[in-house]
Amino acid sequence: MVPEDAARAWGPTTTTINDAIEAWQANGWDDLSPSTARRYEGVWRVNIRDSIGRRRIASLGPYDVERYFRGLKTAGLSQASVR
């Protein structure tokens, strides 16, 4: 649930991957261990934020996601990291 005082207009046409990750971080990462939270932050910053993270969730299809995953593998990330 998004707080009522959220500055963003949330909805299927406005929410990006980055918006969703930032909301999850603000409302869920407290339950994670510090090392897991740091790893997630690093993965987001290096592999997601400036690429697919800018895309609106509603604009992504299976082909887009599969192409993104294949790009990560081609860039040398392990299968476990991509998963």
PDB file of N, CA and C in Angstrom:
ATOM      1  N   MET A   1       0.838  -1.172   0.000  1.00  0.00           N
ATOM      2  CA  MET A   1       0.000   0.000   0.000  1.00  0.00           C
ATOM      3  C   MET A   1       0.890   1.245   0.000  1.00  0.00           C
ATOM      4  N   VAL A   2       0.545   2.187  -0.820  1.00  0.00           N
ATOM      5  CA  VAL A   2       1.315   3.422  -0.949  1.00  0.00           C
ATOM      6  C   VAL A   2       0.774   4.439   0.050  1.00  0.00           C
ATOM      7  N   PRO A   3       1.649   5.092   0.812  1.00  0.00           N
ATOM      8  CA  PRO A   3       1.187   6.112   1.755  1.00  0.00           C
ATOM      9  C   PRO A   3       0.422   7.221   1.035  1.00  0.00           C
ATOM     10  N   GLU A   4      -0.591   7.751   1.719  1.00  0.00           N
ATOM     11  CA  GLU A   4      -1.424   8.799   1.120  1.00  0.00           C
ATOM     12  C   GLU A   4      -0.626  10.053   0.781  1.00  0.00           C
ATOM     13  N   ASP A   5       0.429  10.318   1.535  1.00  0.00           N
ATOM     14  CA  ASP A   5       1.201  11.533   1.295  1.00  0.00           C
ATOM     15  C   ASP A   5       2.314  11.335   0.273  1.00  0.00           C
ATOM     16  N   ALA A   6       2.275  10.226  -0.451  1.00  0.00           N
ATOM     17  CA  ALA A   6       3.314   9.969  -1.465  1.00  0.00           C
ATOM     18  C   ALA A   6       3.282  11.065  -2.512  1.00  0.00           C
ATOM     19  N   ALA A   7       4.457  11.511  -2.896  1.00  0.00           N
ATOM     20  CA  ALA A   7       4.551  12.611  -3.849  1.00  0.00           C
ATOM     21  C   ALA A   7       4.260  12.166  -5.278  1.00  0.00           C
ATOM     22  N   ARG A   8       4.383  10.895  -5.564  1.00  0.00           N
ATOM     23  CA  ARG A   8       4.189  10.385  -6.914  1.00  0.00           C
ATOM     24  C   ARG A   8       2.735  10.020  -7.159  1.00  0.00           C
ATOM     25  N   ALA A   9       2.341  10.106  -8.395  1.00  0.00           N
ATOM     26  CA  ALA A   9       1.033   9.592  -8.797  1.00  0.00           C
ATOM     27  C   ALA A   9       1.239   8.132  -9.165  1.00  0.00           C
ATOM     28  N   TRP A  10       0.747   7.227  -8.365  1.00  0.00           N
ATOM     29  CA  TRP A  10       0.961   5.800  -8.567  1.00  0.00           C
ATOM     30  C   TRP A  10      -0.155   5.208  -9.402  1.00  0.00           C
ATOM     31  N   GLY A  11       0.207   4.343 -10.298  1.00  0.00           N
ATOM     32  CA  GLY A  11      -0.765   3.645 -11.110  1.00  0.00           C
ATOM     33  C   GLY A  11      -0.064   2.826 -12.172  1.00  0.00           C
ATOM     34  N   PRO A  12      -0.802   2.002 -12.885  1.00  0.00           N
ATOM     35  CA  PRO A  12      -0.182   1.108 -13.847  1.00  0.00           C
ATOM     36  C   PRO A  12       0.514   1.827 -14.996  1.00  0.00           C
ATOM     37  N   THR A  13       0.142   3.064 -15.269  1.00  0.00           N
ATOM     38  CA  THR A  13       0.786   3.762 -16.378  1.00  0.00           C
ATOM     39  C   THR A  13       1.922   4.672 -15.921  1.00  0.00           C
ATOM     40  N   THR A  14       2.108   4.836 -14.626  1.00  0.00           N
ATOM     41  CA  THR A  14       3.150   5.738 -14.140  1.00  0.00           C
ATOM     42  C   THR A  14       4.241   5.032 -13.365  1.00  0.00           C
ATOM     43  N   THR A  15       3.993   3.849 -12.867  1.00  0.00           N
ATOM     44  CA  THR A  15       4.944   3.170 -12.014  1.00  0.00           C
ATOM     45  C   THR A  15       6.041   2.498 -12.838  1.00  0.00           C
ATOM     46  N   THR A  16       7.273   2.872 -12.549  1.00  0.00           N
ATOM     47  CA  THR A  16       8.418   2.250 -13.209  1.00  0.00           C
ATOM     48  C   THR A  16       8.964   1.141 -12.318  1.00  0.00           C
ATOM     49  N   ILE A  17       9.862   0.361 -12.870  1.00  0.00           N
ATOM     50  CA  ILE A  17      10.562  -0.650 -12.071  1.00  0.00           C
ATOM     51  C   ILE A  17      11.278   0.038 -10.913  1.00  0.00           C
ATOM     52  N   ASN A  18      11.924   1.161 -11.181  1.00  0.00           N
ATOM     53  CA  ASN A  18      12.616   1.899 -10.111  1.00  0.00           C
ATOM     54  C   ASN A  18      11.648   2.331  -9.018  1.00  0.00           C
ATOM     55  N   ASP A  19      10.467   2.831  -9.407  1.00  0.00           N
ATOM     56  CA  ASP A  19       9.471   3.229  -8.406  1.00  0.00           C
ATOM     57  C   ASP A  19       9.104   2.052  -7.514  1.00  0.00           C
ATOM     58  N   ALA A  20       8.886   0.901  -8.128  1.00  0.00           N
ATOM     59  CA  ALA A  20       8.484  -0.290  -7.372  1.00  0.00           C
ATOM     60  C   ALA A  20       9.606  -0.731  -6.428  1.00  0.00           C
ATOM     61  N   ILE A  21      10.839  -0.715  -6.908  1.00  0.00           N
ATOM     62  CA  ILE A  21      11.958  -1.121  -6.053  1.00  0.00           C
ATOM     63  C   ILE A  21      12.141  -0.131  -4.911  1.00  0.00           C
ATOM     64  N   GLU A  22      12.031   1.154  -5.197  1.00  0.00           N
ATOM     65  CA  GLU A  22      12.171   2.160  -4.135  1.00  0.00           C
ATOM     66  C   GLU A  22      11.065   2.020  -3.095  1.00  0.00           C
ATOM     67  N   ALA A  23       9.853   1.729  -3.524  1.00  0.00           N
ATOM     68  CA  ALA A  23       8.751   1.527  -2.581  1.00  0.00           C
ATOM     69  C   ALA A  23       8.981   0.276  -1.748  1.00  0.00           C
ATOM     70  N   TRP A  24       9.450  -0.789  -2.384  1.00  0.00           N
ATOM     71  CA  TRP A  24       9.760  -2.020  -1.665  1.00  0.00           C
ATOM     72  C   TRP A  24      10.876  -1.782  -0.654  1.00  0.00           C
ATOM     73  N   GLN A  25      11.881  -1.020  -1.067  1.00  0.00           N
ATOM     74  CA  GLN A  25      12.995  -0.704  -0.173  1.00  0.00           C
ATOM     75  C   GLN A  25      12.495   0.063   1.055  1.00  0.00           C
ATOM     76  N   ALA A  26      11.613   1.026   0.840  1.00  0.00           N
ATOM     77  CA  ALA A  26      11.102   1.851   1.935  1.00  0.00           C
ATOM     78  C   ALA A  26      10.147   1.087   2.843  1.00  0.00           C
ATOM     79  N   ASN A  27       9.536   0.039   2.318  1.00  0.00           N
ATOM     80  CA  ASN A  27       8.496  -0.638   3.087  1.00  0.00           C
ATOM     81  C   ASN A  27       8.711  -2.145   3.160  1.00  0.00           C
ATOM     82  N   GLY A  28       9.939  -2.595   3.191  1.00  0.00           N
ATOM     83  CA  GLY A  28      10.128  -4.028   3.273  1.00  0.00           C
ATOM     84  C   GLY A  28      11.543  -4.473   3.545  1.00  0.00           C
ATOM     85  N   TRP A  29      12.499  -3.629   3.265  1.00  0.00           N
ATOM     86  CA  TRP A  29      13.878  -4.055   3.442  1.00  0.00           C
ATOM     87  C   TRP A  29      14.300  -4.080   4.902  1.00  0.00           C
ATOM     88  N   ASP A  30      13.515  -3.500   5.788  1.00  0.00           N
ATOM     89  CA  ASP A  30      13.857  -3.543   7.211  1.00  0.00           C
ATOM     90  C   ASP A  30      13.872  -4.975   7.731  1.00  0.00           C
ATOM     91  N   ASP A  31      13.131  -5.860   7.070  1.00  0.00           N
ATOM     92  CA  ASP A  31      13.064  -7.255   7.486  1.00  0.00           C
ATOM     93  C   ASP A  31      14.246  -8.076   6.965  1.00  0.00           C
ATOM     94  N   LEU A  32      15.038  -7.504   6.081  1.00  0.00           N
ATOM     95  CA  LEU A  32      16.180  -8.218   5.511  1.00  0.00           C
ATOM     96  C   LEU A  32      17.421  -8.026   6.366  1.00  0.00           C
ATOM     97  N   SER A  33      18.345  -8.960   6.242  1.00  0.00           N
ATOM     98  CA  SER A  33      19.625  -8.771   6.933  1.00  0.00           C
ATOM     99  C   SER A  33      20.353  -7.602   6.270  1.00  0.00           C
ATOM    100  N   PRO A  34      21.229  -6.935   6.996  1.00  0.00           N
ATOM    101  CA  PRO A  34      21.969  -5.817   6.409  1.00  0.00           C
ATOM    102  C   PRO A  34      22.763  -6.217   5.164  1.00  0.00           C
ATOM    103  N   SER A  35      23.356  -7.401   5.160  1.00  0.00           N
ATOM    104  CA  SER A  35      24.139  -7.809   3.992  1.00  0.00           C
ATOM    105  C   SER A  35      23.238  -8.063   2.784  1.00  0.00           C
ATOM    106  N   THR A  36      22.055  -8.624   2.999  1.00  0.00           N
ATOM    107  CA  THR A  36      21.116  -8.842   1.896  1.00  0.00           C
ATOM    108  C   THR A  36      20.634  -7.508   1.343  1.00  0.00           C
ATOM    109  N   ALA A  37      20.310  -6.568   2.215  1.00  0.00           N
ATOM    110  CA  ALA A  37      19.858  -5.243   1.770  1.00  0.00           C
ATOM    111  C   ALA A  37      20.952  -4.547   0.961  1.00  0.00           C
ATOM    112  N   ARG A  38      22.214  -4.661   1.403  1.00  0.00           N
ATOM    113  CA  ARG A  38      23.319  -4.054   0.654  1.00  0.00           C
ATOM    114  C   ARG A  38      23.477  -4.715  -0.718  1.00  0.00           C
ATOM    115  N   ARG A  39      23.332  -6.027  -0.753  1.00  0.00           N
ATOM    116  CA  ARG A  39      23.463  -6.731  -2.037  1.00  0.00           C
ATOM    117  C   ARG A  39      22.347  -6.305  -2.986  1.00  0.00           C
ATOM    118  N   TYR A  40      21.116  -6.254  -2.499  1.00  0.00           N
ATOM    119  CA  TYR A  40      19.996  -5.818  -3.334  1.00  0.00           C
ATOM    120  C   TYR A  40      20.218  -4.405  -3.849  1.00  0.00           C
ATOM    121  N   GLU A  41      20.687  -3.530  -2.979  1.00  0.00           N
ATOM    122  CA  GLU A  41      20.963  -2.143  -3.368  1.00  0.00           C
ATOM    123  C   GLU A  41      22.007  -2.100  -4.472  1.00  0.00           C
ATOM    124  N   GLY A  42      23.063  -2.896  -4.325  1.00  0.00           N
ATOM    125  CA  GLY A  42      24.112  -2.943  -5.337  1.00  0.00           C
ATOM    126  C   GLY A  42      23.614  -3.482  -6.668  1.00  0.00           C
ATOM    127  N   VAL A  43      22.839  -4.541  -6.630  1.00  0.00           N
ATOM    128  CA  VAL A  43      22.290  -5.113  -7.865  1.00  0.00           C
ATOM    129  C   VAL A  43      21.402  -4.089  -8.553  1.00  0.00           C
ATOM    130  N   TRP A  44      20.561  -3.417  -7.781  1.00  0.00           N
ATOM    131  CA  TRP A  44      19.673  -2.404  -8.361  1.00  0.00           C
ATOM    132  C   TRP A  44      20.494  -1.273  -8.986  1.00  0.00           C
ATOM    133  N   ARG A  45      21.470  -0.755  -8.237  1.00  0.00           N
ATOM    134  CA  ARG A  45      22.261   0.383  -8.704  1.00  0.00           C
ATOM    135  C   ARG A  45      23.073   0.046  -9.959  1.00  0.00           C
ATOM    136  N   VAL A  46      23.663  -1.137 -10.001  1.00  0.00           N
ATOM    137  CA  VAL A  46      24.542  -1.497 -11.109  1.00  0.00           C
ATOM    138  C   VAL A  46      23.787  -2.043 -12.322  1.00  0.00           C
ATOM    139  N   ASN A  47      22.756  -2.859 -12.093  1.00  0.00           N
ATOM    140  CA  ASN A  47      22.138  -3.599 -13.191  1.00  0.00           C
ATOM    141  C   ASN A  47      20.725  -3.175 -13.583  1.00  0.00           C
ATOM    142  N   ILE A  48      20.059  -2.415 -12.753  1.00  0.00           N
ATOM    143  CA  ILE A  48      18.639  -2.133 -13.011  1.00  0.00           C
ATOM    144  C   ILE A  48      18.349  -0.647 -13.165  1.00  0.00           C
ATOM    145  N   ARG A  49      18.806   0.152 -12.223  1.00  0.00           N
ATOM    146  CA  ARG A  49      18.401   1.553 -12.097  1.00  0.00           C
ATOM    147  C   ARG A  49      18.471   2.355 -13.400  1.00  0.00           C
ATOM    148  N   ASP A  50      19.581   2.274 -14.109  1.00  0.00           N
ATOM    149  CA  ASP A  50      19.763   3.119 -15.291  1.00  0.00           C
ATOM    150  C   ASP A  50      19.393   2.422 -16.596  1.00  0.00           C
ATOM    151  N   SER A  51      18.849   1.225 -16.502  1.00  0.00           N
ATOM    152  CA  SER A  51      18.444   0.512 -17.721  1.00  0.00           C
ATOM    153  C   SER A  51      16.955   0.192 -17.648  1.00  0.00           C
ATOM    154  N   ILE A  52      16.620  -1.041 -17.410  1.00  0.00           N
ATOM    155  CA  ILE A  52      15.209  -1.448 -17.396  1.00  0.00           C
ATOM    156  C   ILE A  52      14.433  -0.780 -16.257  1.00  0.00           C
ATOM    157  N   GLY A  53      15.132  -0.306 -15.245  1.00  0.00           N
ATOM    158  CA  GLY A  53      14.480   0.348 -14.116  1.00  0.00           C
ATOM    159  C   GLY A  53      13.705   1.596 -14.483  1.00  0.00           C
ATOM    160  N   ARG A  54      14.071   2.218 -15.576  1.00  0.00           N
ATOM    161  CA  ARG A  54      13.382   3.442 -16.019  1.00  0.00           C
ATOM    162  C   ARG A  54      12.089   3.148 -16.768  1.00  0.00           C
ATOM    163  N   ARG A  55      11.883   1.898 -17.116  1.00  0.00           N
ATOM    164  CA  ARG A  55      10.702   1.526 -17.907  1.00  0.00           C
ATOM    165  C   ARG A  55       9.462   1.410 -17.034  1.00  0.00           C
ATOM    166  N   ARG A  56       8.335   1.821 -17.603  1.00  0.00           N
ATOM    167  CA  ARG A  56       7.063   1.630 -16.915  1.00  0.00           C
ATOM    168  C   ARG A  56       6.744   0.141 -16.910  1.00  0.00           C
ATOM    169  N   ILE A  57       6.305  -0.372 -15.784  1.00  0.00           N
ATOM    170  CA  ILE A  57       6.006  -1.796 -15.650  1.00  0.00           C
ATOM    171  C   ILE A  57       4.983  -2.225 -16.691  1.00  0.00           C
ATOM    172  N   ALA A  58       3.956  -1.410 -16.898  1.00  0.00           N
ATOM    173  CA  ALA A  58       2.894  -1.762 -17.844  1.00  0.00           C
ATOM    174  C   ALA A  58       3.390  -1.839 -19.277  1.00  0.00           C
ATOM    175  N   SER A  59       4.548  -1.231 -19.568  1.00  0.00           N
ATOM    176  CA  SER A  59       5.055  -1.241 -20.934  1.00  0.00           C
ATOM    177  C   SER A  59       5.924  -2.464 -21.225  1.00  0.00           C
ATOM    178  N   LEU A  60       6.249  -3.233 -20.205  1.00  0.00           N
ATOM    179  CA  LEU A  60       7.126  -4.388 -20.381  1.00  0.00           C
ATOM    180  C   LEU A  60       6.342  -5.636 -20.723  1.00  0.00           C
ATOM    181  N   GLY A  61       6.845  -6.361 -21.689  1.00  0.00           N
ATOM    182  CA  GLY A  61       6.280  -7.654 -22.036  1.00  0.00           C
ATOM    183  C   GLY A  61       7.289  -8.746 -21.757  1.00  0.00           C
ATOM    184  N   PRO A  62       6.897  -9.998 -21.915  1.00  0.00           N
ATOM    185  CA  PRO A  62       7.824 -11.105 -21.671  1.00  0.00           C
ATOM    186  C   PRO A  62       9.090 -11.020 -22.520  1.00  0.00           C
ATOM    187  N   TYR A  63       8.957 -10.590 -23.758  1.00  0.00           N
ATOM    188  CA  TYR A  63      10.123 -10.475 -24.635  1.00  0.00           C
ATOM    189  C   TYR A  63      11.123  -9.461 -24.079  1.00  0.00           C
ATOM    190  N   ASP A  64      10.622  -8.328 -23.588  1.00  0.00           N
ATOM    191  CA  ASP A  64      11.505  -7.298 -23.025  1.00  0.00           C
ATOM    192  C   ASP A  64      12.287  -7.828 -21.829  1.00  0.00           C
ATOM    193  N   VAL A  65      11.597  -8.537 -20.966  1.00  0.00           N
ATOM    194  CA  VAL A  65      12.236  -9.067 -19.762  1.00  0.00           C
ATOM    195  C   VAL A  65      13.248 -10.141 -20.134  1.00  0.00           C
ATOM    196  N   GLU A  66      12.891 -11.046 -21.044  1.00  0.00           N
ATOM    197  CA  GLU A  66      13.811 -12.096 -21.476  1.00  0.00           C
ATOM    198  C   GLU A  66      15.044 -11.498 -22.154  1.00  0.00           C
ATOM    199  N   ARG A  67      14.851 -10.494 -22.979  1.00  0.00           N
ATOM    200  CA  ARG A  67      15.975  -9.825 -23.642  1.00  0.00           C
ATOM    201  C   ARG A  67      16.894  -9.166 -22.607  1.00  0.00           C
ATOM    202  N   TYR A  68      16.307  -8.560 -21.594  1.00  0.00           N
ATOM    203  CA  TYR A  68      17.088  -7.947 -20.523  1.00  0.00           C
ATOM    204  C   TYR A  68      17.917  -9.003 -19.787  1.00  0.00           C
ATOM    205  N   PHE A  69      17.284 -10.123 -19.413  1.00  0.00           N
ATOM    206  CA  PHE A  69      17.999 -11.198 -18.729  1.00  0.00           C
ATOM    207  C   PHE A  69      19.135 -11.748 -19.583  1.00  0.00           C
ATOM    208  N   ARG A  70      18.878 -11.928 -20.870  1.00  0.00           N
ATOM    209  CA  ARG A  70      19.927 -12.424 -21.764  1.00  0.00           C
ATOM    210  C   ARG A  70      21.091 -11.436 -21.839  1.00  0.00           C
ATOM    211  N   GLY A  71      20.784 -10.150 -21.818  1.00  0.00           N
ATOM    212  CA  GLY A  71      21.839  -9.134 -21.821  1.00  0.00           C
ATOM    213  C   GLY A  71      22.711  -9.204 -20.574  1.00  0.00           C
ATOM    214  N   LEU A  72      22.071  -9.463 -19.423  1.00  0.00           N
ATOM    215  CA  LEU A  72      22.844  -9.606 -18.188  1.00  0.00           C
ATOM    216  C   LEU A  72      23.778 -10.813 -18.264  1.00  0.00           C
ATOM    217  N   LYS A  73      23.267 -11.921 -18.793  1.00  0.00           N
ATOM    218  CA  LYS A  73      24.093 -13.123 -18.936  1.00  0.00           C
ATOM    219  C   LYS A  73      25.240 -12.869 -19.903  1.00  0.00           C
ATOM    220  N   THR A  74      24.949 -12.195 -21.004  1.00  0.00           N
ATOM    221  CA  THR A  74      25.988 -11.868 -21.992  1.00  0.00           C
ATOM    222  C   THR A  74      27.058 -10.966 -21.377  1.00  0.00           C
ATOM    223  N   ALA A  75      26.645 -10.101 -20.454  1.00  0.00           N
ATOM    224  CA  ALA A  75      27.589  -9.193 -19.792  1.00  0.00           C
ATOM    225  C   ALA A  75      28.446  -9.905 -18.750  1.00  0.00           C
ATOM    226  N   GLY A  76      28.149 -11.197 -18.511  1.00  0.00           N
ATOM    227  CA  GLY A  76      28.995 -11.972 -17.612  1.00  0.00           C
ATOM    228  C   GLY A  76      28.419 -12.273 -16.246  1.00  0.00           C
ATOM    229  N   LEU A  77      27.184 -11.878 -15.976  1.00  0.00           N
ATOM    230  CA  LEU A  77      26.593 -12.203 -14.683  1.00  0.00           C
ATOM    231  C   LEU A  77      26.264 -13.684 -14.624  1.00  0.00           C
ATOM    232  N   SER A  78      26.410 -14.262 -13.453  1.00  0.00           N
ATOM    233  CA  SER A  78      26.095 -15.673 -13.289  1.00  0.00           C
ATOM    234  C   SER A  78      24.579 -15.887 -13.319  1.00  0.00           C
ATOM    235  N   GLN A  79      24.198 -17.123 -13.549  1.00  0.00           N
ATOM    236  CA  GLN A  79      22.763 -17.445 -13.557  1.00  0.00           C
ATOM    237  C   GLN A  79      22.126 -17.110 -12.223  1.00  0.00           C
ATOM    238  N   ALA A  80      22.836 -17.372 -11.120  1.00  0.00           N
ATOM    239  CA  ALA A  80      22.304 -17.065  -9.789  1.00  0.00           C
ATOM    240  C   ALA A  80      22.083 -15.560  -9.612  1.00  0.00           C
ATOM    241  N   SER A  81      22.998 -14.740 -10.120  1.00  0.00           N
ATOM    242  CA  SER A  81      22.838 -13.288 -10.011  1.00  0.00           C
ATOM    243  C   SER A  81      21.663 -12.797 -10.852  1.00  0.00           C
ATOM    244  N   VAL A  82      21.507 -13.357 -12.027  1.00  0.00           N
ATOM    245  CA  VAL A  82      20.400 -12.945 -12.894  1.00  0.00           C
ATOM    246  C   VAL A  82      19.076 -13.343 -12.263  1.00  0.00           C
ATOM    247  N   ARG A  83      19.028 -14.526 -11.685  1.00  0.00           N
ATOM    248  CA  ARG A  83      17.795 -14.975 -11.033  1.00  0.00           C
ATOM    249  C   ARG A  83      17.450 -14.053  -9.894  1.00  0.00           C
TER     250      ARG A  83
END
